[in-house]
Protein backbone atom coordinates (compact mmCIF):
# COMPACT_ATOMS: atom_id res chain seq x y z
CA UNK A 1 -13.37 66.19 -42.35
CA UNK A 2 -10.24 67.74 -43.79
CA UNK A 3 -10.23 71.51 -43.41
CA UNK A 4 -9.43 74.17 -45.99
CA UNK A 5 -5.90 75.37 -45.20
CA UNK A 6 -5.11 79.01 -45.85
CA UNK A 7 -2.33 81.51 -45.44
CA UNK A 8 -2.15 85.26 -45.90
CA UNK A 9 0.43 86.45 -48.39
CA UNK A 10 3.63 87.55 -46.63
CA UNK A 11 5.91 86.66 -49.53
CA UNK A 12 8.80 89.00 -50.35
CA UNK A 13 7.92 91.25 -53.28
CA UNK A 14 9.86 91.32 -56.54
CA UNK A 15 10.27 94.20 -58.99
CA UNK A 16 6.96 93.03 -60.56
CA UNK A 17 8.27 92.99 -64.12
CA UNK A 18 5.81 90.27 -65.18
CA UNK A 19 2.73 92.36 -64.39
CA UNK A 20 3.24 93.96 -67.81
CA UNK A 21 2.39 90.58 -69.43
CA UNK A 22 -1.24 91.25 -68.45
CA UNK A 23 -1.30 94.93 -69.46
CA UNK A 24 -4.68 96.22 -70.60
CA UNK A 25 -3.22 96.71 -74.09
CA UNK A 26 -2.16 93.03 -74.32
CA UNK A 27 -5.55 91.86 -73.06
CA UNK A 28 -7.34 94.12 -75.60
CA UNK A 29 -5.33 92.48 -78.42
CA UNK A 30 -6.30 89.03 -77.19
CA UNK A 31 -9.96 89.95 -76.95
CA UNK A 32 -9.96 91.47 -80.46
CA UNK A 33 -8.44 88.22 -81.76
CA UNK A 34 -11.11 86.08 -80.08
CA UNK A 35 -13.84 88.37 -81.38
CA UNK A 36 -12.66 87.62 -84.94
CA UNK A 37 -13.81 83.99 -84.55
CA UNK A 38 -17.28 83.31 -86.00
CA UNK A 39 -17.92 81.13 -82.91
CA UNK A 40 -17.24 84.00 -80.47
CA UNK A 41 -19.87 85.08 -77.98
CA UNK A 42 -19.46 86.57 -74.51
CA UNK A 43 -20.07 83.84 -71.92
CA UNK A 44 -22.73 84.53 -69.25
CA UNK A 45 -22.07 86.14 -65.89
CA UNK A 46 -24.53 84.49 -63.51
CA UNK A 47 -25.83 86.97 -60.94
CA UNK A 48 -26.62 84.98 -57.79
CA UNK A 49 -28.60 87.52 -55.76
CA UNK A 50 -30.38 84.88 -53.70
CA UNK A 51 -27.15 83.08 -52.88
CA UNK A 52 -25.47 86.38 -51.97
CA UNK A 53 -28.31 87.12 -49.54
CA UNK A 54 -28.14 83.61 -48.09
CA UNK A 55 -24.39 83.93 -47.47
CA UNK A 56 -24.39 87.54 -46.26
CA UNK A 57 -22.66 89.10 -49.27
CA UNK A 58 -23.54 92.24 -51.21
CA UNK A 59 -23.28 90.43 -54.54
CA UNK A 60 -22.04 87.12 -55.95
CA UNK A 61 -21.22 86.72 -59.64
CA UNK A 62 -20.12 83.56 -61.46
CA UNK A 63 -18.48 83.74 -64.89
CA UNK A 64 -19.84 80.62 -66.63
CA UNK A 65 -17.25 79.26 -69.07
CA UNK A 66 -19.25 76.13 -69.94
CA UNK A 67 -20.49 78.18 -72.93
CA UNK A 68 -17.03 79.05 -74.37
CA UNK A 69 -16.89 78.25 -78.12
CA UNK A 70 -19.05 75.16 -77.51
CA UNK A 71 -16.09 73.49 -75.74
CA UNK A 72 -17.44 73.47 -72.17
CA UNK A 73 -14.34 75.22 -70.74
CA UNK A 74 -12.28 78.43 -70.90
CA UNK A 75 -8.93 76.95 -71.90
CA UNK A 76 -9.29 77.49 -75.66
CA UNK A 77 -8.82 81.23 -75.05
CA UNK A 78 -5.16 80.69 -74.16
CA UNK A 79 -4.12 78.07 -76.70
CA UNK A 80 -5.73 79.82 -79.66
CA UNK A 81 -4.17 83.21 -78.88
CA UNK A 82 -0.73 81.66 -78.35
CA UNK A 83 -1.00 79.99 -81.77
CA UNK A 84 -1.95 83.32 -83.35
CA UNK A 85 0.99 85.13 -81.72
CA UNK A 86 3.39 82.35 -82.70
CA UNK A 87 2.24 82.47 -86.34
CA UNK A 88 2.33 86.29 -86.29
CA UNK A 89 5.92 86.19 -85.04
CA UNK A 90 6.97 83.66 -87.70
CA UNK A 91 5.35 85.66 -90.52
CA UNK A 92 6.57 89.06 -89.34
CA UNK A 93 3.11 90.39 -88.51
CA UNK A 94 1.50 92.01 -85.50
CA UNK A 95 -1.04 89.77 -83.81
CA UNK A 96 -3.75 92.32 -84.71
CA UNK A 97 -3.27 91.24 -88.35
CA UNK A 98 -3.65 87.53 -87.59
CA UNK A 99 -7.44 87.33 -87.46
CA UNK A 100 -9.42 84.12 -87.81
CA UNK A 101 -9.98 84.83 -91.52
CA UNK A 102 -6.27 85.31 -92.14
CA UNK A 103 -5.28 82.24 -90.12
CA UNK A 104 -7.68 80.03 -92.09
CA UNK A 105 -6.67 81.45 -95.50
CA UNK A 106 -4.72 79.88 -98.37
CA UNK A 107 -2.39 82.89 -98.11
CA UNK A 108 -1.30 81.79 -94.63
CA UNK A 109 -0.70 78.22 -95.82
CA UNK A 110 1.65 79.63 -98.48
CA UNK A 111 3.40 82.07 -96.10
CA UNK A 112 3.65 79.82 -93.04
CA UNK A 113 2.94 76.24 -94.05
CA UNK A 114 1.88 73.94 -91.24
CA UNK A 115 3.17 73.54 -87.69
CA UNK A 116 2.59 70.75 -85.20
CA UNK A 117 1.49 72.06 -81.81
CA UNK A 118 2.38 69.73 -78.93
CA UNK A 119 0.78 69.96 -75.51
CA UNK A 120 0.09 68.10 -72.28
CA UNK A 121 -3.34 68.32 -70.70
CA UNK A 122 -5.76 67.04 -68.09
CA UNK A 123 -8.47 67.63 -70.70
CA UNK A 124 -9.62 71.19 -71.27
CA UNK A 125 -6.38 72.82 -72.47
CA UNK A 126 -5.69 69.96 -74.89
CA UNK A 127 -9.20 70.13 -76.29
CA UNK A 128 -8.79 73.87 -76.83
CA UNK A 129 -5.44 73.44 -78.60
CA UNK A 130 -6.83 70.59 -80.73
CA UNK A 131 -9.95 72.61 -81.64
CA UNK A 132 -7.92 75.71 -82.56
CA UNK A 133 -5.41 73.67 -84.59
CA UNK A 134 -8.28 71.99 -86.41
CA UNK A 135 -10.03 75.27 -87.18
CA UNK A 136 -6.78 76.96 -88.30
CA UNK A 137 -5.54 74.08 -90.47
CA UNK A 138 -2.63 73.16 -88.17
CA UNK A 139 -1.68 69.85 -86.51
CA UNK A 140 -1.88 68.96 -82.81
CA UNK A 141 -0.36 66.24 -80.63
CA UNK A 142 -1.79 65.92 -77.13
CA UNK A 143 -0.52 63.84 -74.19
CA UNK A 144 -2.71 63.16 -71.14
CA UNK A 145 -1.61 61.88 -67.70
CA UNK A 146 -2.54 58.49 -66.27
CA UNK A 147 -6.04 58.35 -64.88
CA UNK A 148 -7.42 60.76 -67.51
CA UNK A 149 -11.14 60.40 -68.22
CA UNK A 150 -12.21 58.75 -71.51
CA UNK A 151 -14.79 61.47 -72.27
CA UNK A 152 -12.06 64.11 -72.20
CA UNK A 153 -9.80 61.90 -74.38
CA UNK A 154 -12.62 61.36 -76.90
CA UNK A 155 -13.41 65.07 -77.11
CA UNK A 156 -9.78 65.82 -78.03
CA UNK A 157 -9.61 62.98 -80.57
CA UNK A 158 -12.81 64.30 -82.23
CA UNK A 159 -10.89 67.47 -83.13
CA UNK A 160 -8.41 65.45 -85.21
CA UNK A 161 -5.47 65.60 -82.80
CA UNK A 162 -3.11 62.69 -82.16
CA UNK A 163 -3.89 62.03 -78.49
CA UNK A 164 -2.47 59.54 -75.98
CA UNK A 165 -2.90 58.73 -72.29
CA UNK A 166 0.56 58.16 -70.81
CA UNK A 167 1.68 56.31 -67.67
CA UNK A 168 2.97 59.63 -66.38
CA UNK A 169 1.70 62.44 -64.17
CA UNK A 170 0.82 65.85 -65.66
CA UNK A 171 4.22 67.48 -65.15
CA UNK A 172 6.03 64.53 -66.77
CA UNK A 173 3.60 64.72 -69.71
CA UNK A 174 4.68 68.35 -70.15
CA UNK A 175 8.32 67.21 -70.33
CA UNK A 176 7.39 64.54 -72.93
CA UNK A 177 5.52 67.07 -75.10
CA UNK A 178 8.46 69.50 -74.92
CA UNK A 179 10.93 66.79 -75.93
CA UNK A 180 8.80 65.68 -78.91
CA UNK A 181 8.30 69.28 -80.07
CA UNK A 182 12.09 69.76 -80.03
CA UNK A 183 12.54 66.66 -82.20
CA UNK A 184 9.84 67.56 -84.77
CA UNK A 185 10.32 69.87 -87.78
CA UNK A 186 8.01 72.89 -87.26
CA UNK A 187 7.16 71.46 -83.85
CA UNK A 188 6.22 73.86 -81.06
CA UNK A 189 5.02 73.27 -77.51
CA UNK A 190 1.94 75.24 -76.45
CA UNK A 191 1.88 74.85 -72.69
CA UNK A 192 0.35 77.10 -70.07
CA UNK A 193 3.16 76.52 -67.63
CA UNK A 194 6.41 78.45 -67.85
CA UNK A 195 9.92 77.51 -66.77
CA UNK A 196 13.30 79.18 -67.21
CA UNK A 197 13.87 79.42 -70.95
CA UNK A 198 10.22 78.80 -71.84
CA UNK A 199 8.22 81.89 -71.00
CA UNK A 200 7.07 83.57 -74.22
CA UNK A 201 4.27 81.17 -75.21
CA UNK A 202 2.95 80.77 -71.62
CA UNK A 203 2.79 84.59 -71.41
CA UNK A 204 0.71 84.63 -74.61
CA UNK A 205 -1.59 81.94 -73.20
CA UNK A 206 -2.11 84.03 -70.08
CA UNK A 207 -3.00 87.03 -72.23
CA UNK A 208 -5.60 84.87 -73.98
CA UNK A 209 -7.17 84.10 -70.60
CA UNK A 210 -7.43 87.85 -70.09
CA UNK A 211 -10.42 87.89 -72.47
CA UNK A 212 -12.48 86.10 -69.83
CA UNK A 213 -11.50 88.52 -67.06
CA UNK A 214 -12.12 91.55 -69.29
CA UNK A 215 -15.58 90.28 -70.27
CA UNK A 216 -16.44 89.62 -66.61
CA UNK A 217 -15.37 93.10 -65.54
CA UNK A 218 -17.40 94.68 -68.34
CA UNK A 219 -20.44 92.59 -67.33
CA UNK A 220 -20.04 93.63 -63.68
CA UNK A 221 -19.93 97.29 -64.72
CA UNK A 222 -23.10 96.78 -66.80
CA UNK A 223 -24.77 95.27 -63.70
CA UNK A 224 -23.96 98.45 -61.74
CA UNK A 225 -20.88 97.13 -59.92
CA UNK A 226 -18.01 99.62 -60.19
CA UNK A 227 -15.45 96.89 -59.48
CA UNK A 228 -15.34 93.54 -57.67
CA UNK A 229 -14.12 93.83 -54.08
CA UNK A 230 -13.03 90.17 -54.03
CA UNK A 231 -11.99 87.71 -56.73
CA UNK A 232 -11.72 83.97 -56.09
CA UNK A 233 -9.63 82.15 -58.68
CA UNK A 234 -8.42 78.55 -58.85
CA UNK A 235 -4.90 77.45 -59.78
CA UNK A 236 -3.18 74.45 -61.29
CA UNK A 237 0.18 75.70 -62.55
CA UNK A 238 -1.16 79.18 -61.80
CA UNK A 239 -1.43 80.59 -65.34
CA UNK A 240 -5.13 81.38 -65.03
CA UNK A 241 -4.69 82.77 -61.52
CA UNK A 242 -1.76 84.94 -62.65
CA UNK A 243 -3.74 86.15 -65.67
CA UNK A 244 -6.80 87.11 -63.61
CA UNK A 245 -4.74 88.65 -60.81
CA UNK A 246 -2.59 90.51 -63.33
CA UNK A 247 -5.61 91.85 -65.21
CA UNK A 248 -7.33 93.23 -62.11
CA UNK A 249 -4.08 94.66 -60.68
CA UNK A 250 -3.62 96.58 -63.94
CA UNK A 251 -7.30 97.53 -64.25
CA UNK A 252 -7.64 98.91 -60.72
CA UNK A 253 -4.08 99.85 -59.69
CA UNK A 254 -5.20 102.26 -56.96
CA UNK A 255 -7.92 100.06 -55.47
CA UNK A 256 -7.45 96.43 -56.55
CA UNK A 257 -9.82 93.68 -55.44
CA UNK A 258 -8.61 91.20 -52.83
CA UNK A 259 -7.72 87.98 -54.63
CA UNK A 260 -7.92 84.49 -53.14
CA UNK A 261 -6.05 81.73 -55.02
CA UNK A 262 -7.39 78.20 -54.46
CA UNK A 263 -5.66 74.89 -55.21
CA UNK A 264 -6.42 71.19 -54.91
CA UNK A 265 -4.91 69.78 -51.69
CA UNK A 266 -2.77 67.16 -53.47
CA UNK A 267 -1.18 69.75 -55.80
CA UNK A 268 -0.98 72.86 -53.61
CA UNK A 269 2.44 74.09 -54.77
CA UNK A 270 1.52 77.79 -54.62
CA UNK A 271 0.05 77.44 -51.12
CA UNK A 272 3.23 75.70 -49.96
CA UNK A 273 5.32 78.49 -51.43
CA UNK A 274 3.18 81.08 -49.63
CA UNK A 275 3.36 79.11 -46.38
CA UNK A 276 7.17 79.00 -46.57
CA UNK A 277 7.10 82.77 -47.34
CA UNK A 278 10.69 82.90 -48.61
CA UNK A 279 9.78 83.67 -52.24
CA UNK A 280 11.12 80.40 -53.63
CA UNK A 281 9.00 78.08 -55.77
CA UNK A 282 7.77 74.85 -54.17
CA UNK A 283 6.92 71.74 -56.19
CA UNK A 284 4.64 68.79 -55.45
CA UNK A 285 5.28 65.38 -57.05
CA UNK A 286 3.53 62.02 -57.16
CA UNK A 287 0.30 60.88 -58.80
CA UNK A 288 -1.67 64.07 -57.86
CA UNK A 289 -5.00 62.23 -57.75
CA UNK A 290 -7.93 64.62 -57.17
CA UNK A 291 -11.40 65.13 -58.63
CA UNK A 292 -10.12 68.61 -59.62
CA UNK A 293 -8.19 67.15 -62.59
CA UNK A 294 -7.62 70.56 -64.18
CA UNK A 295 -5.82 71.70 -61.02
CA UNK A 296 -3.64 68.58 -60.63
CA UNK A 297 -0.37 70.33 -61.44
CA UNK A 298 2.53 70.35 -59.00
CA UNK A 299 5.03 72.69 -60.70
CA UNK A 300 4.17 76.41 -60.84
CA UNK A 301 4.36 78.72 -63.84
CA UNK A 302 7.32 81.03 -63.09
CA UNK A 303 5.69 84.13 -64.66
CA UNK A 304 2.47 83.65 -62.70
CA UNK A 305 4.27 82.95 -59.44
CA UNK A 306 5.97 86.33 -59.77
CA UNK A 307 2.64 88.13 -60.32
CA UNK A 308 0.84 86.19 -57.58
CA UNK A 309 3.42 86.73 -54.86
CA UNK A 310 3.28 90.49 -55.45
CA UNK A 311 -0.51 90.87 -55.40
CA UNK A 312 -2.55 87.95 -53.98
CA UNK A 313 -4.19 88.37 -50.56
CA UNK A 314 -4.71 84.72 -49.53
CA UNK A 315 -3.66 81.28 -50.79
CA UNK A 316 -5.93 78.32 -49.96
CA UNK A 317 -5.43 74.55 -50.18
CA UNK A 318 -8.72 72.69 -50.71
CA UNK A 319 -9.75 69.05 -50.15
CA UNK A 320 -12.01 67.46 -52.78
CA UNK A 321 -15.20 67.96 -50.74
CA UNK A 322 -14.89 71.73 -51.28
CA UNK A 323 -15.26 71.39 -55.06
CA UNK A 324 -18.07 68.84 -54.69
CA UNK A 325 -19.98 71.17 -52.35
CA UNK A 326 -19.56 74.02 -54.84
CA UNK A 327 -20.83 71.85 -57.71
CA UNK A 328 -23.99 70.96 -55.78
CA UNK A 329 -24.66 74.55 -54.72
CA UNK A 330 -24.29 75.94 -58.24
CA UNK A 331 -26.44 73.18 -59.74
CA UNK A 332 -29.27 73.75 -57.22
CA UNK A 333 -29.07 77.47 -56.42
CA UNK A 334 -31.42 79.62 -54.34
CA UNK A 335 -34.80 79.94 -56.08
CA UNK A 336 -34.71 82.71 -58.67
CA UNK A 337 -30.95 82.47 -59.25
CA UNK A 338 -29.66 80.96 -62.52
CA UNK A 339 -28.24 77.45 -62.43
CA UNK A 340 -24.55 77.02 -63.31
CA UNK A 341 -23.41 73.57 -64.46
CA UNK A 342 -19.89 73.61 -63.04
CA UNK A 343 -17.32 70.81 -63.10
CA UNK A 344 -14.87 69.76 -60.43
CA UNK A 345 -12.22 72.35 -61.27
CA UNK A 346 -14.81 75.05 -61.91
CA UNK A 347 -16.80 74.98 -58.68
CA UNK A 348 -14.12 75.12 -55.99
CA UNK A 349 -14.69 78.88 -55.61
CA UNK A 350 -18.31 78.37 -54.64
CA UNK A 351 -17.28 75.78 -52.06
CA UNK A 352 -14.68 78.09 -50.56
CA UNK A 353 -16.85 81.22 -50.53
CA UNK A 354 -19.82 79.47 -48.91
CA UNK A 355 -17.63 77.76 -46.31
CA UNK A 356 -15.90 81.01 -45.31
CA UNK A 357 -19.26 82.78 -44.97
CA UNK A 358 -21.11 80.07 -43.00
CA UNK A 359 -18.57 78.04 -40.99
CA UNK A 360 -17.37 79.69 -37.74
CA UNK A 361 -14.09 77.77 -38.08
CA UNK A 362 -13.15 80.24 -40.82
CA UNK A 363 -14.11 83.44 -38.96
CA UNK A 364 -10.48 84.57 -38.93
CA UNK A 365 -10.20 84.17 -42.71
CA UNK A 366 -13.51 85.97 -43.24
CA UNK A 367 -12.26 88.87 -41.12
CA UNK A 368 -8.86 88.93 -42.83
CA UNK A 369 -10.57 89.29 -46.20
CA UNK A 370 -13.18 91.76 -44.96
CA UNK A 371 -16.02 89.74 -46.49
CA UNK A 372 -19.41 91.17 -45.49
CA UNK A 373 -22.77 92.41 -46.75
CA UNK A 374 -21.04 95.12 -48.81
CA UNK A 375 -18.71 92.73 -50.66
CA UNK A 376 -19.09 92.25 -54.42
CA UNK A 377 -17.57 88.84 -55.09
CA UNK A 378 -16.51 87.43 -58.48
CA UNK A 379 -15.61 83.80 -59.17
CA UNK A 380 -14.91 81.86 -62.35
CA UNK A 381 -16.58 78.56 -63.20
CA UNK A 382 -13.89 77.51 -65.65
CA UNK A 383 -15.54 74.32 -66.90
CA UNK A 384 -18.91 72.64 -67.23
CA UNK A 385 -19.53 68.91 -66.80
CA UNK A 386 -16.41 67.83 -68.70
CA UNK A 387 -16.62 64.47 -66.90
CA UNK A 388 -20.40 63.82 -67.13
CA UNK A 389 -20.27 60.51 -65.23
CA UNK A 390 -18.48 61.99 -62.23
CA UNK A 391 -20.64 65.12 -62.38
CA UNK A 392 -23.75 62.98 -61.80
CA UNK A 393 -22.05 60.98 -59.05
CA UNK A 394 -21.31 64.18 -57.18
CA UNK A 395 -24.40 66.29 -57.89
CA UNK A 396 -27.07 63.56 -58.02
CA UNK A 397 -25.58 60.88 -55.77
CA UNK A 398 -23.76 63.02 -53.20
CA UNK A 399 -20.21 61.75 -53.70
CA UNK A 400 -17.49 63.52 -51.67
CA UNK A 401 -19.78 64.79 -48.89
CA UNK A 402 -18.63 67.59 -46.61
CA UNK A 403 -19.48 65.96 -43.30
């Protein structure tokens, strides 16, 4: 069985200028925007007391994003807020003025007209962009990489977007979307990865993700937890990881939680950068085939990389069995704990946490993180069963066993 690879963060620190992207003020603006949607509700924080006891932790909490806006994943938080900030910028407004009601009004159509939002996606981000464009009376074009699941394609098409599956990997789909946006009048790319010269919209997307972290922190406080001691967060390009890390570093500057960033083995660009420890970005190419489709991204977000290298405790590279194990554990929890329906990219945290706490092979990692019966651990299940066929294969039929 392939092992989880991990490395402590010994990367050289930068001046940390990107931490400001995830300032508490920016996150508050994003959350106020999301709260203006009639579909908004706070997603559940599953309190797994039985599982925590089983694993030897003080507390284990899972933010369940399968309930987000009825879209079965968290991604809509980023795309929708980026659209709002883009429209605010073009109409000379502050984002606090661009509420759902304003964005769906005839007044906006007169002031702004209609834009076409281009994006590349493994499924969840594209569905979020398509849904937001549909709700706000805008247009969306979505490109998916080869091997994309038909259910995810259909869910995007249902929102009225023009959607294609290309014979390209994810990162090449991003390049295609960017090229088409450049060639289209009122075309704009809404992508959660940043590169030199394209950093404003990805920063806005990250701020949108901050809503989820802010809700989770508030829910922990309500449950009597002053702050999480450990946060486990998964990464594709790293936008979500950078957003969550940035939020908690700003929220608890004097006593931040230890953060573990987890990637799919075939697309572990952040892990490779941390392993090299020289501060330079590493990229991973090829087909990037993994069950963790949402994490199959080989080129890091430059803003996030800067935040992560300054603050993360440990980077981990995870084979597919880790996510499958997490899916099964969350779907059949300890009696009395709530069930969490978590997809391949959502459950990797559960697989990693349980393996660290129960497998002696990871005793050094457990000690390095200081995980014990006092630890209050937070993880994010970022998607539900977005590929229902594969979900059943793994949870019911035992695909990708960890033996």
